[in-house]
Structures are given as structure tokens and as C-alpha cells.
Amino acid sequence: MKRHPGLRTFSDDHHHGLVHARRLKRAEQADLTEVAGAFLEFWRLETSLHFRKEEAVLLPVLARHGGDLSQSSLVEMLAQHARIRGLAMQLGDELVSREVRGGTLQALGELLEAHIRLEEREVFPFIEESLPEYALREITSRLEAFETGTPREPWVPDQDLPVTPRPSPGDG
């Protein structure tokens, strides 16, 4: 299936993720440390950023245009993000202690593959069906703003905002 250009960057990332998932699942005892190190480098440079883009750009654009954020595949996607992050943390601890376990690599590889399949087969088609064309194009422009490297959400102005302090509990 041809992916909308607004989502194509996410699908392109998935190819690399599937390669790593396969390596994680097929790791032999002799190369557990090497496979773990390669995955954690991939995680640091690509996958954690991929997750942040989905959470900070893709889902907010969907919400902005009335998409159903309670849709089961979206909820599962976010749960998988948390599980994968947790396994990446565990793998990092195992690598530091020089006790990389094959079971951790296997679990991470299986979950990563299932996650990518969920996004490609359910999440992205749902988003493409739910959003009008202009909203799908907005994803691209918001991704460009996100990738400027600024730690804030660059589409929210940070100067000259009219701020009225909210009353605190106990203020009369």
C-alpha cells in the first residue's frame, strides 16, 4: 500500500526497525553483546526519536482534527512504546553489567516487530482514513518544525503571550 507522504517518513523508519528486530530475535549466545550494543545505538540515534515524533506530532495533529484517540490500535501503540522503552532500559542495564540475556533480546525483537506491524497495518491506515488531506500535509510541516532541534514545541509562540495567572487553591 502506498503511504501518504505525511506518514512516509515513519514507514521508512520501520524498515530499519524490522532489520533490528530480526537481529534481536536471531541473536546467538556468542554475539549477544554485539547485537545489544548495535540495537542500543539504533535506539539512541533513531528509534527513540521516531517514538517522540509519533507522540509529539502525529497524535496531536490527529487530536487537533478530531481523530478518535481512544481507538484501540492507538492505545496499544502507546502501550507498546512504553514496553519497548522499558526493554531498552533493561537491555542498557544488562549491557553495562556485561550480562546481556538472550531472553531480553528475544522479547525486544518480538515486541518491536509486532509494534511496527501494528502501526503499518492498523494505526497509519486509521490516520489516513480519519484525516483530511490538509491535515495529513500538516504532519509534514509539523515534523519539519519538530526537527529544528529546539526542545520546545516550535509552533507555540514563546514571546508576548498574554498570561493571566490562575488563582491558587486557598486564594480568596
Protein backbone atom coordinates (compact mmCIF):
# COMPACT_ATOMS: atom_id res chain seq x y z
CA MET A 1 0.00 0.00 0.00
CA LYS A 2 1.27 3.43 -0.88
CA ARG A 3 1.63 5.56 2.24
CA HIS A 4 0.63 9.24 2.31
CA PRO A 5 3.75 11.48 2.14
CA GLY A 6 2.93 12.84 5.61
CA LEU A 7 3.37 9.35 7.03
CA ARG A 8 6.05 8.03 4.68
CA THR A 9 8.94 9.10 6.90
CA PHE A 10 7.53 6.92 9.68
CA SER A 11 7.18 3.94 7.33
CA ASP A 12 10.73 4.43 6.05
CA ASP A 13 11.98 4.24 9.65
CA HIS A 14 10.12 0.97 10.09
CA HIS A 15 12.26 -0.84 7.53
CA HIS A 16 15.34 -0.29 9.69
CA GLY A 17 13.38 -1.30 12.78
CA LEU A 18 12.41 -4.62 11.22
CA VAL A 19 16.05 -5.34 10.39
CA HIS A 20 17.00 -4.78 14.03
CA ALA A 21 14.02 -6.80 15.28
CA ARG A 22 15.19 -9.73 13.17
CA ARG A 23 18.75 -9.41 14.50
CA LEU A 24 17.48 -9.26 18.08
CA LYS A 25 15.35 -12.38 17.64
CA ARG A 26 18.14 -14.35 15.94
CA ALA A 27 21.00 -13.40 18.25
CA GLU A 28 23.23 -16.30 19.21
CA GLN A 29 24.90 -16.62 22.60
CA ALA A 30 28.26 -15.64 21.11
CA ASP A 31 27.08 -12.28 19.80
CA LEU A 32 24.54 -11.10 22.44
CA THR A 33 26.70 -8.15 23.49
CA GLU A 34 27.33 -7.05 19.90
CA VAL A 35 23.64 -7.26 18.96
CA ALA A 36 22.64 -5.43 22.15
CA GLY A 37 25.13 -2.65 21.50
CA ALA A 38 24.04 -2.25 17.89
CA PHE A 39 20.39 -2.07 18.89
CA LEU A 40 21.00 0.46 21.65
CA GLU A 41 22.91 2.67 19.20
CA PHE A 42 19.97 2.38 16.78
CA TRP A 43 17.63 3.16 19.67
CA ARG A 44 19.63 6.22 20.71
CA LEU A 45 20.00 7.66 17.21
CA GLU A 46 16.73 6.71 15.55
CA THR A 47 14.01 4.79 17.36
CA SER A 48 13.59 6.94 20.45
CA LEU A 49 13.29 9.97 18.17
CA HIS A 50 10.80 8.11 15.97
CA PHE A 51 8.63 7.45 19.04
CA ARG A 52 8.84 11.08 20.14
CA LYS A 53 7.78 12.26 16.68
CA GLU A 54 4.73 10.00 16.79
CA GLU A 55 3.83 11.19 20.28
CA ALA A 56 4.64 14.89 19.82
CA VAL A 57 3.48 15.43 16.23
CA LEU A 58 1.41 12.62 14.74
CA LEU A 59 -1.05 12.09 17.60
CA PRO A 60 -1.50 15.80 18.39
CA VAL A 61 -2.31 16.52 14.71
CA LEU A 62 -4.83 13.68 14.81
CA ALA A 63 -6.33 15.12 18.01
CA ARG A 64 -6.38 18.66 16.57
CA HIS A 65 -8.53 17.46 13.69
CA GLY A 66 -10.97 15.44 15.76
CA GLY A 67 -9.45 11.98 15.43
CA ASP A 68 -10.50 9.36 17.95
CA LEU A 69 -7.52 8.97 20.28
CA SER A 70 -9.29 6.21 22.18
CA GLN A 71 -9.13 3.95 19.13
CA SER A 72 -7.72 0.63 20.35
CA SER A 73 -4.74 0.50 17.97
CA LEU A 74 -3.59 3.96 19.12
CA VAL A 75 -3.87 2.97 22.77
CA GLU A 76 -1.93 -0.23 22.04
CA MET A 77 0.70 1.72 20.09
CA LEU A 78 1.40 3.93 23.11
CA ALA A 79 1.46 0.96 25.48
CA GLN A 80 3.98 -0.72 23.18
CA HIS A 81 6.10 2.45 23.14
CA ALA A 82 6.32 2.24 26.94
CA ARG A 83 7.08 -1.50 26.90
CA ILE A 84 9.79 -1.09 24.25
CA ARG A 85 11.34 1.81 26.19
CA GLY A 86 11.34 -0.35 29.30
CA LEU A 87 13.06 -3.22 27.49
CA ALA A 88 15.61 -0.80 26.03
CA MET A 89 16.33 0.40 29.58
CA GLN A 90 16.70 -3.18 30.76
CA LEU A 91 18.97 -4.02 27.85
CA GLY A 92 21.11 -0.98 28.62
CA ASP A 93 21.46 -2.13 32.23
CA GLU A 94 22.36 -5.65 31.08
CA LEU A 95 24.96 -4.30 28.67
CA VAL A 96 26.58 -2.14 31.36
CA SER A 97 26.72 -5.10 33.76
CA ARG A 98 28.02 -7.34 30.94
CA GLU A 99 25.14 -9.76 31.48
CA VAL A 100 23.11 -9.45 28.27
CA ARG A 101 20.37 -12.04 28.29
CA GLY A 102 19.10 -13.69 25.15
CA GLY A 103 15.58 -13.55 26.56
CA THR A 104 15.70 -9.77 26.71
CA LEU A 105 16.85 -9.55 23.08
CA GLN A 106 14.16 -12.04 22.01
CA ALA A 107 11.38 -10.18 23.86
CA LEU A 108 12.53 -6.83 22.48
CA GLY A 109 12.77 -8.16 18.91
CA GLU A 110 9.31 -9.72 19.05
CA LEU A 111 7.71 -6.62 20.54
CA LEU A 112 9.45 -4.27 18.11
CA GLU A 113 8.28 -6.33 15.14
CA ALA A 114 4.70 -6.55 16.49
CA HIS A 115 4.75 -2.79 17.09
CA ILE A 116 5.85 -1.98 13.56
CA ARG A 117 3.21 -4.33 12.12
CA LEU A 118 0.53 -2.67 14.28
CA GLU A 119 1.46 0.79 13.05
CA GLU A 120 1.69 -0.22 9.39
CA ARG A 121 -1.46 -2.38 9.32
CA GLU A 122 -3.75 -0.50 11.68
CA VAL A 123 -2.53 2.85 13.00
CA PHE A 124 -1.40 4.50 9.78
CA PRO A 125 -4.42 3.33 7.73
CA PHE A 126 -6.68 4.64 10.53
CA ILE A 127 -4.93 8.03 10.45
CA GLU A 128 -5.05 8.20 6.65
CA GLU A 129 -8.78 7.44 6.70
CA SER A 130 -9.52 9.81 9.60
CA LEU A 131 -7.68 12.93 8.48
CA PRO A 132 -8.45 15.20 5.54
CA GLU A 133 -5.67 15.85 3.05
CA TYR A 134 -4.71 19.23 4.53
CA ALA A 135 -4.26 17.63 7.96
CA LEU A 136 -2.06 14.89 6.52
CA ARG A 137 0.07 17.60 4.90
CA GLU A 138 0.19 19.38 8.25
CA ILE A 139 2.01 16.35 9.68
CA THR A 140 4.88 17.00 7.27
CA SER A 141 5.18 20.68 8.20
CA ARG A 142 4.95 19.91 11.92
CA LEU A 143 7.66 17.24 11.58
CA GLU A 144 9.91 19.81 9.91
CA ALA A 145 9.33 22.19 12.83
CA PHE A 146 9.97 19.38 15.33
CA GLU A 147 13.26 18.50 13.67
CA THR A 148 14.69 22.00 14.08
CA GLY A 149 16.26 20.71 17.27
CA THR A 150 14.60 23.13 19.64
CA PRO A 151 13.50 21.47 22.90
CA ARG A 152 10.12 23.18 22.94
CA GLU A 153 7.16 22.78 20.66
CA PRO A 154 8.20 25.27 17.97
CA TRP A 155 4.65 26.01 16.82
CA VAL A 156 3.74 27.51 20.19
CA PRO A 157 4.87 31.13 20.44
CA ASP A 158 7.02 31.84 23.47
CA GLN A 159 7.02 35.62 23.38
CA ASP A 160 4.42 38.21 24.21
CA LEU A 161 1.82 35.71 25.35
CA PRO A 162 -0.95 37.31 27.37
CA VAL A 163 -0.67 35.42 30.65
CA THR A 164 -3.17 35.76 33.42
CA PRO A 165 -2.07 33.85 36.50
CA ARG A 166 -4.57 31.26 37.61
CA PRO A 167 -5.68 31.50 41.21
CA SER A 168 -4.06 29.01 43.52
CA PRO A 169 -6.04 26.91 45.95
CA GLY A 170 -6.67 28.99 49.02
CA ASP A 171 -6.52 32.33 47.16
CA GLY A 172 -9.57 34.28 48.18
